[in-house]
């Protein structure tokens, strides 16, 4: 499963243990990108629908997002 020269079938820890951080940085960047886009998406959802803020599950997600 190669994409843009990255083997997507390997985990970050496997790549770091085999090759070091030099080869693992694209994986770390992808993980950070997923975290940032998830956070932005949650902010957009809560901003568009104020009634969703009263949902206990939504409140827990927002608390977890703020603590990270």
N, C-alpha and C. Protein backbone atom coordinates (compact mmCIF):
# COMPACT_ATOMS: atom_id res chain seq x y z
N UNK A 1 0.83 -1.18 0.00
CA UNK A 1 0.00 0.00 0.00
C UNK A 1 0.88 1.25 0.00
N UNK A 2 1.52 1.52 -1.09
CA UNK A 2 2.37 2.69 -1.21
C UNK A 2 1.59 3.86 -1.81
N UNK A 3 1.79 5.03 -1.20
CA UNK A 3 1.19 6.25 -1.71
C UNK A 3 2.18 7.38 -1.47
N UNK A 4 2.57 8.04 -2.53
CA UNK A 4 3.53 9.14 -2.48
C UNK A 4 4.83 8.72 -1.79
N UNK A 5 5.24 7.49 -2.00
CA UNK A 5 6.48 7.00 -1.42
C UNK A 5 6.39 6.58 0.03
N UNK A 6 5.16 6.51 0.58
CA UNK A 6 4.95 6.13 1.97
C UNK A 6 4.21 4.80 1.99
N UNK A 7 4.74 3.85 2.77
CA UNK A 7 4.08 2.55 2.92
C UNK A 7 3.02 2.67 4.00
N UNK A 8 1.76 2.77 3.59
CA UNK A 8 0.66 3.01 4.51
C UNK A 8 0.29 1.78 5.32
N UNK A 9 0.86 0.63 5.01
CA UNK A 9 0.55 -0.57 5.78
C UNK A 9 1.39 -0.66 7.05
N UNK A 10 2.41 0.21 7.19
CA UNK A 10 3.26 0.20 8.38
C UNK A 10 2.81 1.26 9.37
N UNK A 11 3.00 0.98 10.65
CA UNK A 11 2.67 1.95 11.69
C UNK A 11 3.86 2.89 11.91
N UNK A 12 3.59 4.00 12.58
CA UNK A 12 4.64 4.98 12.86
C UNK A 12 5.72 4.36 13.75
N UNK A 13 5.30 3.62 14.76
CA UNK A 13 6.29 3.02 15.67
C UNK A 13 7.17 2.01 14.94
N UNK A 14 6.60 1.27 14.01
CA UNK A 14 7.39 0.30 13.23
C UNK A 14 8.42 1.02 12.37
N UNK A 15 8.00 2.09 11.71
CA UNK A 15 8.92 2.83 10.84
C UNK A 15 10.02 3.49 11.67
N UNK A 16 9.64 4.07 12.83
CA UNK A 16 10.64 4.71 13.68
C UNK A 16 11.66 3.71 14.22
N UNK A 17 11.20 2.53 14.61
CA UNK A 17 12.13 1.54 15.14
C UNK A 17 13.04 0.99 14.04
N UNK A 18 12.53 0.88 12.82
CA UNK A 18 13.33 0.35 11.72
C UNK A 18 14.27 1.39 11.10
N UNK A 19 13.76 2.61 10.89
CA UNK A 19 14.52 3.59 10.09
C UNK A 19 14.83 4.89 10.81
N UNK A 20 14.22 5.14 11.96
CA UNK A 20 14.45 6.40 12.66
C UNK A 20 13.44 7.46 12.25
N UNK A 21 13.59 8.64 12.87
CA UNK A 21 12.62 9.71 12.66
C UNK A 21 12.69 10.28 11.24
N UNK A 22 13.83 10.19 10.61
CA UNK A 22 13.98 10.73 9.25
C UNK A 22 12.98 10.15 8.27
N UNK A 23 12.68 8.87 8.41
CA UNK A 23 11.71 8.22 7.52
C UNK A 23 10.29 8.27 8.07
N UNK A 24 10.15 8.55 9.39
CA UNK A 24 8.82 8.50 10.01
C UNK A 24 8.11 9.85 10.02
N UNK A 25 8.78 10.94 9.70
CA UNK A 25 8.14 12.26 9.80
C UNK A 25 6.90 12.40 8.93
N UNK A 26 6.81 11.80 7.72
CA UNK A 26 5.56 11.93 6.96
C UNK A 26 4.37 11.30 7.68
N UNK A 27 4.61 10.21 8.39
CA UNK A 27 3.53 9.56 9.15
C UNK A 27 3.07 10.47 10.29
N UNK A 28 4.01 11.10 10.98
CA UNK A 28 3.68 12.00 12.08
C UNK A 28 2.90 13.20 11.56
N UNK A 29 3.29 13.73 10.42
CA UNK A 29 2.57 14.86 9.81
C UNK A 29 1.14 14.46 9.46
N UNK A 30 0.96 13.25 8.93
CA UNK A 30 -0.39 12.80 8.59
C UNK A 30 -1.26 12.67 9.84
N UNK A 31 -0.69 12.17 10.93
CA UNK A 31 -1.45 12.03 12.18
C UNK A 31 -1.85 13.40 12.70
N UNK A 32 -0.92 14.36 12.66
CA UNK A 32 -1.23 15.72 13.12
C UNK A 32 -2.30 16.35 12.23
N UNK A 33 -2.23 16.12 10.94
CA UNK A 33 -3.22 16.65 10.00
C UNK A 33 -4.62 16.10 10.29
N UNK A 34 -4.71 14.82 10.60
CA UNK A 34 -5.99 14.22 10.95
C UNK A 34 -6.53 14.84 12.24
N UNK A 35 -5.67 15.03 13.24
CA UNK A 35 -6.11 15.62 14.51
C UNK A 35 -6.61 17.05 14.31
N UNK A 36 -5.89 17.84 13.54
CA UNK A 36 -6.28 19.23 13.31
C UNK A 36 -7.59 19.30 12.53
N UNK A 37 -7.74 18.51 11.49
CA UNK A 37 -8.97 18.57 10.71
C UNK A 37 -10.17 18.07 11.52
N UNK A 38 -9.96 17.09 12.40
CA UNK A 38 -11.06 16.63 13.27
C UNK A 38 -11.48 17.73 14.23
N UNK A 39 -10.51 18.44 14.78
CA UNK A 39 -10.81 19.54 15.70
C UNK A 39 -11.58 20.65 14.99
N UNK A 40 -11.14 21.02 13.81
CA UNK A 40 -11.81 22.07 13.03
C UNK A 40 -13.23 21.63 12.68
N UNK A 41 -13.40 20.38 12.31
CA UNK A 41 -14.73 19.88 11.97
C UNK A 41 -15.66 19.95 13.18
N UNK A 42 -15.17 19.58 14.36
CA UNK A 42 -15.99 19.65 15.57
C UNK A 42 -16.39 21.09 15.88
N UNK A 43 -15.45 22.03 15.69
CA UNK A 43 -15.76 23.44 15.92
C UNK A 43 -16.83 23.93 14.94
N UNK A 44 -16.74 23.52 13.69
CA UNK A 44 -17.72 23.93 12.70
C UNK A 44 -19.10 23.36 13.02
N UNK A 45 -19.15 22.12 13.44
CA UNK A 45 -20.44 21.50 13.78
C UNK A 45 -21.07 22.20 14.97
N UNK A 46 -20.29 22.46 16.01
CA UNK A 46 -20.85 23.10 17.20
C UNK A 46 -21.22 24.55 16.93
N UNK A 47 -20.53 25.22 16.03
CA UNK A 47 -20.86 26.60 15.70
C UNK A 47 -22.11 26.72 14.85
N UNK A 48 -22.35 25.74 14.02
CA UNK A 48 -23.50 25.78 13.12
C UNK A 48 -24.78 25.36 13.83
N UNK A 49 -24.66 24.49 14.82
CA UNK A 49 -25.83 23.96 15.50
C UNK A 49 -25.70 24.17 17.01
N UNK A 50 -26.14 25.32 17.54
CA UNK A 50 -25.98 25.58 18.96
C UNK A 50 -26.72 24.58 19.84
N UNK A 51 -27.76 23.95 19.33
CA UNK A 51 -28.49 22.95 20.12
C UNK A 51 -27.65 21.71 20.36
N UNK A 52 -26.66 21.46 19.51
CA UNK A 52 -25.81 20.29 19.68
C UNK A 52 -24.92 20.43 20.91
N UNK A 53 -24.67 21.65 21.35
CA UNK A 53 -23.83 21.86 22.52
C UNK A 53 -24.48 21.31 23.78
N UNK A 54 -25.81 21.18 23.79
CA UNK A 54 -26.49 20.64 24.95
C UNK A 54 -26.44 19.11 24.98
N UNK A 55 -26.07 18.49 23.89
CA UNK A 55 -25.95 17.04 23.82
C UNK A 55 -24.76 16.61 24.68
N UNK A 56 -24.93 15.70 25.64
CA UNK A 56 -23.82 15.29 26.51
C UNK A 56 -22.65 14.66 25.76
N UNK A 57 -22.94 13.91 24.71
CA UNK A 57 -21.86 13.31 23.93
C UNK A 57 -21.03 14.38 23.23
N UNK A 58 -21.70 15.38 22.69
CA UNK A 58 -21.00 16.49 22.03
C UNK A 58 -20.15 17.25 23.03
N UNK A 59 -20.68 17.48 24.24
CA UNK A 59 -19.92 18.18 25.27
C UNK A 59 -18.66 17.41 25.63
N UNK A 60 -18.75 16.09 25.73
CA UNK A 60 -17.59 15.27 26.06
C UNK A 60 -16.54 15.35 24.95
N UNK A 61 -16.98 15.30 23.69
CA UNK A 61 -16.04 15.42 22.57
C UNK A 61 -15.32 16.76 22.59
N UNK A 62 -16.06 17.82 22.89
CA UNK A 62 -15.44 19.14 22.92
C UNK A 62 -14.45 19.25 24.09
N UNK A 63 -14.77 18.65 25.25
CA UNK A 63 -13.84 18.67 26.37
C UNK A 63 -12.56 17.91 26.04
N UNK A 64 -12.70 16.77 25.39
CA UNK A 64 -11.53 15.98 25.00
C UNK A 64 -10.71 16.77 23.99
N UNK A 65 -11.37 17.42 23.04
CA UNK A 65 -10.66 18.21 22.02
C UNK A 65 -9.90 19.38 22.63
N UNK A 66 -10.47 20.02 23.64
CA UNK A 66 -9.79 21.17 24.28
C UNK A 66 -8.61 20.73 25.12
N UNK A 67 -8.68 19.53 25.70
CA UNK A 67 -7.60 19.10 26.58
C UNK A 67 -6.37 18.67 25.81
N UNK A 68 -6.52 18.35 24.52
CA UNK A 68 -5.37 17.89 23.74
C UNK A 68 -4.50 18.99 23.26
